[in-house]
């Protein structure tokens, strides 16, 4: 696994978009810029990407849990694939193996982990979705962090992102939906 750099970000939200104060909400994200071993090559066996995400999932999430002082309530994941890669490379780093180490680090995870992946240019942003780790139908916990690394992903890289939050959006008013909504 060839990691060029790792970037961590922490947001503390103290007011909503209208400027109305709220209890502090902390959102954190880890972004690892990883060499894509399949950039420029058609490949059917993507197992190497599964292994990369399992390793990074454990170490990055442990760091995020520390940043949140153990209060991880929401989680999410995203991948931004450089232009010589394929969208399926993003899916490969997100889905088969990333969830297990993240769930172990946050102490729960009955809900599916929201995810997003796309192919993008250098400096592109990606929306990292967040949702409650144990209550999938808690609409108030559905949130998004828009993140980027200005010098990534290069055409032969993948930007793997994991996000956690300790609360809802600021002043949520949507509530909890029925299990069939």
N, C-alpha and C. Protein backbone atom coordinates (compact mmCIF):
# COMPACT_ATOMS: atom_id res chain seq x y z
N UNK A 1 0.85 -1.18 0.00
CA UNK A 1 0.00 0.00 0.00
C UNK A 1 0.89 1.23 0.00
N UNK A 2 0.64 2.12 -0.94
CA UNK A 2 1.44 3.33 -1.10
C UNK A 2 0.56 4.55 -0.79
N UNK A 3 0.71 5.09 0.43
CA UNK A 3 -0.05 6.27 0.86
C UNK A 3 0.85 7.49 0.72
N UNK A 4 0.45 8.44 -0.13
CA UNK A 4 1.25 9.65 -0.33
C UNK A 4 1.08 10.63 0.82
N UNK A 5 -0.13 10.76 1.32
CA UNK A 5 -0.36 11.67 2.44
C UNK A 5 -1.70 11.36 3.07
N UNK A 6 -1.85 11.79 4.30
CA UNK A 6 -3.11 11.67 5.03
C UNK A 6 -3.45 13.06 5.58
N UNK A 7 -4.72 13.43 5.42
CA UNK A 7 -5.19 14.74 5.86
C UNK A 7 -6.37 14.52 6.80
N UNK A 8 -6.36 15.22 7.92
CA UNK A 8 -7.48 15.17 8.86
C UNK A 8 -8.10 16.55 8.95
N UNK A 9 -9.41 16.59 9.08
CA UNK A 9 -10.10 17.86 9.26
C UNK A 9 -11.11 17.73 10.38
N UNK A 10 -11.31 18.82 11.10
CA UNK A 10 -12.26 18.85 12.21
C UNK A 10 -13.06 20.14 12.12
N UNK A 11 -14.39 20.01 12.12
CA UNK A 11 -15.29 21.15 12.12
C UNK A 11 -16.07 21.16 13.42
N UNK A 12 -16.18 22.31 14.02
CA UNK A 12 -17.04 22.47 15.20
C UNK A 12 -18.09 23.51 14.82
N UNK A 13 -19.31 23.06 14.71
CA UNK A 13 -20.42 23.91 14.28
C UNK A 13 -21.10 24.47 15.52
N UNK A 14 -21.23 25.78 15.60
CA UNK A 14 -21.84 26.42 16.76
C UNK A 14 -23.07 27.25 16.40
N UNK A 15 -23.40 27.29 15.10
CA UNK A 15 -24.60 28.01 14.64
C UNK A 15 -25.05 27.41 13.32
N UNK A 16 -26.34 27.52 13.02
CA UNK A 16 -26.83 27.02 11.74
C UNK A 16 -26.53 28.03 10.63
N UNK A 17 -26.99 27.73 9.42
CA UNK A 17 -26.71 28.60 8.27
C UNK A 17 -27.34 29.97 8.39
N UNK A 18 -28.34 30.11 9.25
CA UNK A 18 -28.99 31.40 9.46
C UNK A 18 -28.37 32.18 10.62
N UNK A 19 -27.34 31.60 11.24
CA UNK A 19 -26.65 32.27 12.34
C UNK A 19 -27.24 32.02 13.71
N UNK A 20 -28.22 31.11 13.80
CA UNK A 20 -28.85 30.80 15.09
C UNK A 20 -27.94 29.82 15.84
N UNK A 21 -27.55 30.20 17.05
CA UNK A 21 -26.64 29.38 17.85
C UNK A 21 -27.24 28.00 18.14
N UNK A 22 -26.36 27.01 18.24
CA UNK A 22 -26.76 25.65 18.57
C UNK A 22 -25.71 25.04 19.50
N UNK A 23 -26.07 23.93 20.13
CA UNK A 23 -25.06 23.19 20.88
C UNK A 23 -23.97 22.77 19.90
N UNK A 24 -22.72 22.76 20.31
CA UNK A 24 -21.64 22.40 19.39
C UNK A 24 -21.82 21.00 18.80
N UNK A 25 -21.58 20.92 17.51
CA UNK A 25 -21.59 19.65 16.77
C UNK A 25 -20.21 19.52 16.15
N UNK A 26 -19.56 18.39 16.37
CA UNK A 26 -18.23 18.18 15.83
C UNK A 26 -18.28 17.12 14.74
N UNK A 27 -17.72 17.46 13.59
CA UNK A 27 -17.59 16.54 12.47
C UNK A 27 -16.11 16.43 12.14
N UNK A 28 -15.64 15.21 11.93
CA UNK A 28 -14.24 14.97 11.60
C UNK A 28 -14.16 14.08 10.36
N UNK A 29 -13.09 14.27 9.61
CA UNK A 29 -12.88 13.44 8.42
C UNK A 29 -11.40 13.13 8.28
N UNK A 30 -11.13 11.93 7.79
CA UNK A 30 -9.78 11.51 7.44
C UNK A 30 -9.76 11.24 5.95
N UNK A 31 -8.72 11.74 5.28
CA UNK A 31 -8.58 11.55 3.85
C UNK A 31 -7.19 11.01 3.57
N UNK A 32 -7.13 9.81 3.00
CA UNK A 32 -5.85 9.19 2.66
C UNK A 32 -5.70 9.19 1.14
N UNK A 33 -4.59 9.70 0.67
CA UNK A 33 -4.28 9.73 -0.75
C UNK A 33 -3.43 8.51 -1.05
N UNK A 34 -4.02 7.58 -1.79
CA UNK A 34 -3.43 6.26 -2.00
C UNK A 34 -3.15 6.04 -3.49
N UNK A 35 -2.02 5.43 -3.80
CA UNK A 35 -1.71 5.03 -5.18
C UNK A 35 -2.73 3.99 -5.62
N UNK A 36 -3.32 4.19 -6.79
CA UNK A 36 -4.27 3.22 -7.34
C UNK A 36 -3.49 2.20 -8.16
N UNK A 37 -3.38 0.96 -7.67
CA UNK A 37 -2.60 -0.05 -8.40
C UNK A 37 -3.20 -0.43 -9.74
N UNK A 38 -4.45 -0.03 -9.99
CA UNK A 38 -5.12 -0.42 -11.22
C UNK A 38 -5.35 0.75 -12.17
N UNK A 39 -4.79 1.90 -11.88
CA UNK A 39 -4.96 3.06 -12.75
C UNK A 39 -4.45 2.73 -14.16
N UNK A 40 -5.28 3.01 -15.15
CA UNK A 40 -4.89 2.77 -16.54
C UNK A 40 -4.97 1.34 -17.00
N UNK A 41 -5.41 0.42 -16.13
CA UNK A 41 -5.48 -1.00 -16.48
C UNK A 41 -6.87 -1.55 -16.23
N UNK A 42 -7.39 -2.29 -17.20
CA UNK A 42 -8.65 -3.00 -16.99
C UNK A 42 -8.34 -4.21 -16.12
N UNK A 43 -9.03 -4.32 -15.01
CA UNK A 43 -8.72 -5.38 -14.04
C UNK A 43 -10.03 -5.91 -13.47
N UNK A 44 -10.18 -7.22 -13.40
CA UNK A 44 -11.40 -7.78 -12.82
C UNK A 44 -11.24 -8.10 -11.34
N UNK A 45 -10.06 -8.47 -10.91
CA UNK A 45 -9.83 -8.81 -9.51
C UNK A 45 -9.34 -7.57 -8.76
N UNK A 46 -10.21 -6.99 -7.95
CA UNK A 46 -9.90 -5.75 -7.23
C UNK A 46 -9.55 -6.00 -5.76
N UNK A 47 -9.19 -7.22 -5.43
CA UNK A 47 -8.90 -7.61 -4.04
C UNK A 47 -7.85 -6.71 -3.38
N UNK A 48 -6.86 -6.28 -4.13
CA UNK A 48 -5.82 -5.42 -3.54
C UNK A 48 -6.42 -4.15 -2.95
N UNK A 49 -7.49 -3.62 -3.58
CA UNK A 49 -8.14 -2.43 -3.05
C UNK A 49 -8.93 -2.74 -1.79
N UNK A 50 -9.49 -3.94 -1.69
CA UNK A 50 -10.20 -4.35 -0.45
C UNK A 50 -9.21 -4.32 0.72
N UNK A 51 -8.02 -4.87 0.48
CA UNK A 51 -7.00 -4.95 1.54
C UNK A 51 -6.55 -3.56 1.98
N UNK A 52 -6.37 -2.65 1.03
CA UNK A 52 -5.97 -1.27 1.36
C UNK A 52 -7.01 -0.62 2.27
N UNK A 53 -8.28 -0.77 1.91
CA UNK A 53 -9.32 -0.11 2.70
C UNK A 53 -9.46 -0.71 4.09
N UNK A 54 -9.27 -2.01 4.23
CA UNK A 54 -9.35 -2.63 5.55
C UNK A 54 -8.25 -2.10 6.47
N UNK A 55 -7.05 -1.97 5.93
CA UNK A 55 -5.93 -1.46 6.73
C UNK A 55 -6.14 0.00 7.10
N UNK A 56 -6.51 0.81 6.12
CA UNK A 56 -6.71 2.23 6.39
C UNK A 56 -7.94 2.47 7.27
N UNK A 57 -8.97 1.67 7.09
CA UNK A 57 -10.18 1.83 7.89
C UNK A 57 -9.90 1.76 9.37
N UNK A 58 -9.07 0.83 9.75
CA UNK A 58 -8.75 0.67 11.17
C UNK A 58 -7.94 1.86 11.70
N UNK A 59 -6.84 2.18 11.05
CA UNK A 59 -5.97 3.24 11.58
C UNK A 59 -6.61 4.62 11.50
N UNK A 60 -7.25 4.93 10.39
CA UNK A 60 -7.86 6.26 10.25
C UNK A 60 -9.02 6.46 11.22
N UNK A 61 -9.85 5.44 11.38
CA UNK A 61 -11.01 5.59 12.27
C UNK A 61 -10.58 5.69 13.72
N UNK A 62 -9.55 4.97 14.11
CA UNK A 62 -9.05 5.11 15.48
C UNK A 62 -8.64 6.55 15.75
N UNK A 63 -7.99 7.17 14.80
CA UNK A 63 -7.57 8.57 14.95
C UNK A 63 -8.79 9.49 15.02
N UNK A 64 -9.81 9.23 14.20
CA UNK A 64 -11.02 10.05 14.22
C UNK A 64 -11.77 9.93 15.54
N UNK A 65 -11.83 8.73 16.08
CA UNK A 65 -12.50 8.52 17.38
C UNK A 65 -11.79 9.33 18.47
N UNK A 66 -10.47 9.37 18.41
CA UNK A 66 -9.71 10.19 19.36
C UNK A 66 -10.05 11.66 19.17
N UNK A 67 -10.15 12.11 17.93
CA UNK A 67 -10.48 13.52 17.66
C UNK A 67 -11.86 13.88 18.20
N UNK A 68 -12.78 12.90 18.21
CA UNK A 68 -14.14 13.12 18.74
C UNK A 68 -14.26 12.78 20.22
N UNK A 69 -13.14 12.44 20.84
CA UNK A 69 -13.12 12.07 22.26
C UNK A 69 -14.10 10.93 22.55
N UNK A 70 -14.19 9.98 21.61
CA UNK A 70 -15.00 8.78 21.80
C UNK A 70 -16.49 8.96 21.58
N UNK A 71 -16.93 10.12 21.09
CA UNK A 71 -18.36 10.40 20.96
C UNK A 71 -18.90 10.18 19.55
N UNK A 72 -18.40 9.21 18.83
CA UNK A 72 -18.85 8.98 17.46
C UNK A 72 -20.29 8.46 17.44
N UNK A 73 -21.17 9.21 16.81
CA UNK A 73 -22.57 8.86 16.70
C UNK A 73 -22.97 8.59 15.26
N UNK A 74 -22.33 9.28 14.32
CA UNK A 74 -22.63 9.14 12.90
C UNK A 74 -21.36 8.77 12.14
N UNK A 75 -21.55 8.10 11.00
CA UNK A 75 -20.40 7.74 10.19
C UNK A 75 -20.74 7.78 8.71
N UNK A 76 -19.70 7.79 7.89
CA UNK A 76 -19.87 7.77 6.44
C UNK A 76 -18.53 7.58 5.77
N UNK A 77 -18.57 7.32 4.45
CA UNK A 77 -17.35 7.06 3.70
C UNK A 77 -17.51 7.56 2.27
N UNK A 78 -16.38 7.90 1.64
CA UNK A 78 -16.40 8.37 0.26
C UNK A 78 -15.05 8.06 -0.38
N UNK A 79 -15.06 8.00 -1.71
CA UNK A 79 -13.83 7.80 -2.46
C UNK A 79 -13.86 8.64 -3.72
N UNK A 80 -12.77 9.32 -3.98
CA UNK A 80 -12.60 10.12 -5.18
C UNK A 80 -11.45 9.49 -5.97
N UNK A 81 -11.75 8.97 -7.14
CA UNK A 81 -10.79 8.23 -7.96
C UNK A 81 -10.21 9.17 -9.01
N UNK A 82 -8.89 9.14 -9.16
CA UNK A 82 -8.23 9.94 -10.19
C UNK A 82 -8.64 9.50 -11.59
N UNK A 83 -8.43 10.37 -12.57
CA UNK A 83 -8.96 10.19 -13.92
C UNK A 83 -8.47 8.94 -14.66
N UNK A 84 -7.36 8.34 -14.27
CA UNK A 84 -6.91 7.11 -14.92
C UNK A 84 -7.51 5.87 -14.28
N UNK A 85 -8.33 6.06 -13.27
CA UNK A 85 -8.99 4.94 -12.60
C UNK A 85 -10.44 4.82 -13.05
N UNK A 86 -11.13 3.88 -12.45
CA UNK A 86 -12.53 3.63 -12.77
C UNK A 86 -13.38 3.82 -11.52
N UNK A 87 -14.64 4.16 -11.71
CA UNK A 87 -15.54 4.33 -10.57
C UNK A 87 -15.58 3.07 -9.71
N UNK A 88 -15.45 1.92 -10.34
CA UNK A 88 -15.47 0.66 -9.60
C UNK A 88 -14.30 0.55 -8.62
N UNK A 89 -13.21 1.24 -8.88
CA UNK A 89 -12.09 1.27 -7.94
C UNK A 89 -12.52 1.98 -6.65
N UNK A 90 -13.33 3.02 -6.78
CA UNK A 90 -13.88 3.68 -5.59
C UNK A 90 -14.80 2.76 -4.82
N UNK A 91 -15.66 2.04 -5.53
CA UNK A 91 -16.54 1.09 -4.87
C UNK A 91 -15.74 0.00 -4.15
N UNK A 92 -14.63 -0.41 -4.75
CA UNK A 92 -13.83 -1.49 -4.17
C UNK A 92 -13.16 -1.07 -2.86
N UNK A 93 -12.78 0.21 -2.73
CA UNK A 93 -12.18 0.63 -1.47
C UNK A 93 -13.23 0.94 -0.41
N UNK A 94 -14.49 1.11 -0.81
CA UNK A 94 -15.53 1.46 0.15
C UNK A 94 -16.32 0.28 0.69
N UNK A 95 -16.69 -0.65 -0.16
CA UNK A 95 -17.75 -1.57 0.23
C UNK A 95 -17.34 -2.91 0.85
N UNK A 96 -16.50 -3.71 0.26
CA UNK A 96 -16.34 -5.05 0.84
C UNK A 96 -15.66 -5.10 2.20
N UNK A 97 -14.71 -4.19 2.47
CA UNK A 97 -13.88 -4.38 3.67
C UNK A 97 -13.75 -3.17 4.59
N UNK A 98 -14.20 -2.01 4.19
CA UNK A 98 -13.99 -0.81 5.00
C UNK A 98 -14.90 -0.74 6.22
N UNK A 99 -16.12 -1.20 6.09
CA UNK A 99 -17.10 -1.05 7.16
C UNK A 99 -16.74 -1.75 8.46
N UNK A 100 -16.21 -2.95 8.38
CA UNK A 100 -15.94 -3.73 9.60
C UNK A 100 -14.97 -3.01 10.55
N UNK A 101 -13.80 -2.52 10.09
CA UNK A 101 -12.92 -1.83 11.03
C UNK A 101 -13.50 -0.51 11.54
N UNK A 102 -14.29 0.17 10.72
CA UNK A 102 -14.91 1.41 11.16
C UNK A 102 -15.92 1.12 12.27
N UNK A 103 -16.77 0.11 12.06
CA UNK A 103 -17.76 -0.26 13.08
C UNK A 103 -17.09 -0.68 14.38
N UNK A 104 -16.01 -1.42 14.28
CA UNK A 104 -15.29 -1.84 15.49
C UNK A 104 -14.75 -0.63 16.25
N UNK A 105 -14.24 0.36 15.54
CA UNK A 105 -13.65 1.54 16.18
C UNK A 105 -14.70 2.44 16.82
N UNK A 106 -15.90 2.51 16.23
CA UNK A 106 -16.92 3.41 16.78
C UNK A 106 -17.83 2.71 17.77
N UNK A 107 -17.70 1.40 17.92
CA UNK A 107 -18.52 0.68 18.90
C UNK A 107 -19.98 0.62 18.51
N UNK A 108 -20.25 0.05 17.39
CA UNK A 108 -21.63 -0.09 16.92
C UNK A 108 -21.66 -0.19 15.42
N UNK A 109 -22.78 0.18 14.85
CA UNK A 109 -22.85 0.17 13.41
C UNK A 109 -23.92 -0.74 12.86
N UNK A 110 -25.10 -0.70 13.46
CA UNK A 110 -26.21 -1.51 12.95
C UNK A 110 -26.72 -0.99 11.61
N UNK A 111 -26.50 0.30 11.33
CA UNK A 111 -26.97 0.90 10.08
C UNK A 111 -25.94 0.75 8.98
N UNK A 112 -26.43 0.70 7.74
CA UNK A 112 -25.52 0.76 6.61
C UNK A 112 -24.75 2.07 6.69
N UNK A 113 -23.50 2.03 6.29
CA UNK A 113 -22.68 3.23 6.30
C UNK A 113 -22.92 3.99 4.99
N UNK A 114 -23.43 5.23 5.06
CA UNK A 114 -23.65 5.98 3.83
C UNK A 114 -22.35 6.16 3.06
N UNK A 115 -22.44 6.16 1.73
CA UNK A 115 -21.22 6.26 0.94
C UNK A 115 -21.45 7.03 -0.35
N UNK A 116 -20.35 7.45 -0.93
CA UNK A 116 -20.36 8.16 -2.20
C UNK A 116 -19.01 7.89 -2.86
N UNK A 117 -19.03 7.70 -4.17
CA UNK A 117 -17.77 7.56 -4.90
C UNK A 117 -17.94 8.12 -6.31
N UNK A 118 -16.84 8.67 -6.81
CA UNK A 118 -16.86 9.22 -8.17
C UNK A 118 -15.44 9.33 -8.69
N UNK A 119 -15.33 9.54 -9.99
CA UNK A 119 -14.05 9.84 -10.63
C UNK A 119 -13.97 11.36 -10.72
N UNK A 120 -12.81 11.91 -10.39
CA UNK A 120 -12.68 13.36 -10.40
C UNK A 120 -11.27 13.82 -10.69
N UNK A 121 -11.16 15.10 -10.96
CA UNK A 121 -9.89 15.73 -11.30
C UNK A 121 -9.14 16.18 -10.04
N UNK A 122 -7.91 16.56 -10.22
CA UNK A 122 -7.07 17.09 -9.15
C UNK A 122 -7.79 18.23 -8.45
N UNK A 123 -7.91 18.14 -7.13
CA UNK A 123 -8.54 19.19 -6.33
C UNK A 123 -10.06 19.15 -6.31
N UNK A 124 -10.66 18.17 -6.94
CA UNK A 124 -12.13 18.07 -6.93
C UNK A 124 -12.62 17.84 -5.51
N UNK A 125 -13.84 18.29 -5.26
CA UNK A 125 -14.44 18.03 -3.95
C UNK A 125 -15.33 16.80 -4.05
N UNK A 126 -15.61 16.22 -2.89
CA UNK A 126 -16.54 15.10 -2.82
C UNK A 126 -17.41 15.31 -1.59
N UNK A 127 -18.66 14.93 -1.73
CA UNK A 127 -19.59 15.00 -0.61
C UNK A 127 -19.50 13.70 0.17
N UNK A 128 -19.11 13.81 1.43
CA UNK A 128 -18.99 12.67 2.33
C UNK A 128 -20.27 12.60 3.15
N UNK A 129 -21.15 11.63 2.85
CA UNK A 129 -22.43 11.55 3.57
C UNK A 129 -22.25 10.97 4.97
N UNK A 130 -23.07 11.41 5.89
CA UNK A 130 -23.06 10.90 7.26
C UNK A 130 -24.47 10.45 7.64
N UNK A 131 -24.55 9.42 8.44
CA UNK A 131 -25.81 8.94 8.98
C UNK A 131 -25.58 8.29 10.33
N UNK A 132 -26.64 8.17 11.12
CA UNK A 132 -26.53 7.58 12.46
C UNK A 132 -26.02 6.15 12.34
N UNK A 133 -25.07 5.79 13.17
CA UNK A 133 -24.44 4.48 13.07
C UNK A 133 -25.36 3.33 13.46
N UNK A 134 -26.37 3.59 14.26
CA UNK A 134 -27.25 2.50 14.73
C UNK A 134 -28.72 2.70 14.40
N UNK A 135 -29.13 3.89 14.01
CA UNK A 135 -30.53 4.19 13.72
C UNK A 135 -30.66 4.74 12.31
N UNK A 136 -30.83 3.84 11.34
CA UNK A 136 -30.85 4.23 9.93
C UNK A 136 -31.96 5.23 9.61
N UNK A 137 -33.05 5.20 10.35
CA UNK A 137 -34.19 6.06 10.05
C UNK A 137 -34.19 7.36 10.85
N UNK A 138 -33.08 7.73 11.44
CA UNK A 138 -32.99 9.01 12.12
C UNK A 138 -32.61 10.07 11.09
N UNK A 139 -33.63 10.68 10.49
CA UNK A 139 -33.40 11.67 9.44
C UNK A 139 -32.60 12.86 9.94
N UNK A 140 -32.72 13.21 11.21
CA UNK A 140 -32.00 14.35 11.76
C UNK A 140 -30.48 14.16 11.74
N UNK A 141 -30.03 12.92 11.68
CA UNK A 141 -28.60 12.65 11.68
C UNK A 141 -28.01 12.56 10.27
N UNK A 142 -28.85 12.63 9.25
CA UNK A 142 -28.34 12.59 7.87
C UNK A 142 -27.71 13.93 7.56
N UNK A 143 -26.44 13.91 7.20
CA UNK A 143 -25.67 15.13 7.03
C UNK A 143 -24.63 14.90 5.93
N UNK A 144 -23.90 15.94 5.58
CA UNK A 144 -22.87 15.85 4.54
C UNK A 144 -21.73 16.79 4.88
N UNK A 145 -20.53 16.30 4.65
CA UNK A 145 -19.33 17.14 4.70
C UNK A 145 -18.79 17.21 3.28
N UNK A 146 -18.58 18.40 2.75
CA UNK A 146 -17.93 18.54 1.45
C UNK A 146 -16.46 18.76 1.71
N UNK A 147 -15.64 17.87 1.16
CA UNK A 147 -14.21 17.89 1.47
C UNK A 147 -13.39 17.79 0.18
N UNK A 148 -12.13 18.20 0.30
CA UNK A 148 -11.20 18.03 -0.82
C UNK A 148 -9.77 18.10 -0.28
N UNK A 149 -8.87 17.60 -1.08
CA UNK A 149 -7.44 17.76 -0.84
C UNK A 149 -6.93 18.46 -2.10
N UNK A 150 -6.42 19.68 -2.00
CA UNK A 150 -6.10 20.47 -3.19
C UNK A 150 -5.18 19.79 -4.20
N UNK A 151 -4.26 18.94 -3.76
CA UNK A 151 -3.34 18.30 -4.71
C UNK A 151 -3.66 16.82 -4.92
N UNK A 152 -4.92 16.45 -4.79
CA UNK A 152 -5.31 15.05 -4.96
C UNK A 152 -6.75 14.97 -5.48
N UNK A 153 -7.12 13.89 -6.11
CA UNK A 153 -6.25 12.78 -6.47
C UNK A 153 -5.54 13.05 -7.80
N UNK A 154 -4.28 12.67 -7.86
CA UNK A 154 -3.58 12.66 -9.14
C UNK A 154 -4.24 11.56 -9.97
N UNK A 155 -3.95 11.52 -11.24
CA UNK A 155 -4.65 10.59 -12.12
C UNK A 155 -4.52 9.13 -11.69
N UNK A 156 -3.43 8.80 -11.01
CA UNK A 156 -3.20 7.41 -10.60
C UNK A 156 -3.40 7.21 -9.10
N UNK A 157 -4.27 8.01 -8.49
CA UNK A 157 -4.52 7.92 -7.05
C UNK A 157 -6.00 7.77 -6.74
N UNK A 158 -6.25 7.39 -5.50
CA UNK A 158 -7.60 7.36 -4.93
C UNK A 158 -7.56 8.13 -3.62
N UNK A 159 -8.53 8.99 -3.43
CA UNK A 159 -8.69 9.70 -2.16
C UNK A 159 -9.75 8.96 -1.37
N UNK A 160 -9.35 8.23 -0.35
CA UNK A 160 -10.26 7.47 0.51
C UNK A 160 -10.62 8.33 1.71
N UNK A 161 -11.93 8.48 1.97
CA UNK A 161 -12.39 9.38 3.02
C UNK A 161 -13.30 8.65 4.00
N UNK A 162 -13.10 8.91 5.28
CA UNK A 162 -13.96 8.39 6.34
C UNK A 162 -14.37 9.59 7.20
N UNK A 163 -15.65 9.67 7.54
CA UNK A 163 -16.13 10.77 8.36
C UNK A 163 -16.92 10.28 9.56
N UNK A 164 -16.84 11.03 10.64
CA UNK A 164 -17.61 10.76 11.86
C UNK A 164 -18.17 12.07 12.38
N UNK A 165 -19.24 11.96 13.15
CA UNK A 165 -19.85 13.14 13.77
C UNK A 165 -20.39 12.74 15.14
N UNK A 166 -20.50 13.73 16.02
CA UNK A 166 -21.03 13.46 17.36
C UNK A 166 -22.47 13.93 17.53
N UNK A 167 -23.15 14.30 16.43
CA UNK A 167 -24.52 14.78 16.59
C UNK A 167 -25.28 14.93 15.30
N UNK A 168 -26.41 15.59 15.42
CA UNK A 168 -27.30 15.85 14.29
C UNK A 168 -26.82 17.07 13.52
N UNK A 169 -27.59 17.46 12.53
CA UNK A 169 -27.38 18.76 11.90
C UNK A 169 -27.77 19.83 12.93
N UNK A 170 -27.38 21.05 12.65
CA UNK A 170 -27.78 22.16 13.54
C UNK A 170 -29.29 22.37 13.42
N UNK A 171 -29.97 22.41 14.54
CA UNK A 171 -31.42 22.63 14.61
C UNK A 171 -32.23 21.73 13.67
N UNK A 172 -32.07 20.41 13.78
CA UNK A 172 -32.84 19.52 12.89
C UNK A 172 -34.33 19.58 13.22
N UNK A 173 -35.14 19.47 12.17
CA UNK A 173 -36.58 19.54 12.36
C UNK A 173 -37.32 18.50 11.55
N UNK A 174 -36.61 17.48 11.07
CA UNK A 174 -37.23 16.48 10.21
C UNK A 174 -37.71 15.28 10.99
N UNK A 175 -36.96 14.85 11.99
CA UNK A 175 -37.39 13.76 12.87
C UNK A 175 -36.96 12.39 12.40
N UNK A 176 -37.67 11.42 12.90
CA UNK A 176 -37.38 10.03 12.61
C UNK A 176 -38.52 9.49 11.74
N UNK A 177 -38.13 8.87 10.65
CA UNK A 177 -39.12 8.36 9.71
C UNK A 177 -39.56 6.96 10.03
N UNK A 178 -40.65 6.54 9.42
CA UNK A 178 -41.11 5.15 9.61
C UNK A 178 -40.13 4.20 8.91
N UNK A 179 -40.13 2.96 9.31
CA UNK A 179 -39.18 2.00 8.75
C UNK A 179 -39.39 1.75 7.27
N UNK A 180 -40.44 2.22 6.69
CA UNK A 180 -40.66 2.03 5.27
C UNK A 180 -40.60 3.31 4.45
N UNK A 181 -40.13 4.40 5.06
CA UNK A 181 -40.13 5.70 4.37
C UNK A 181 -39.13 5.73 3.25
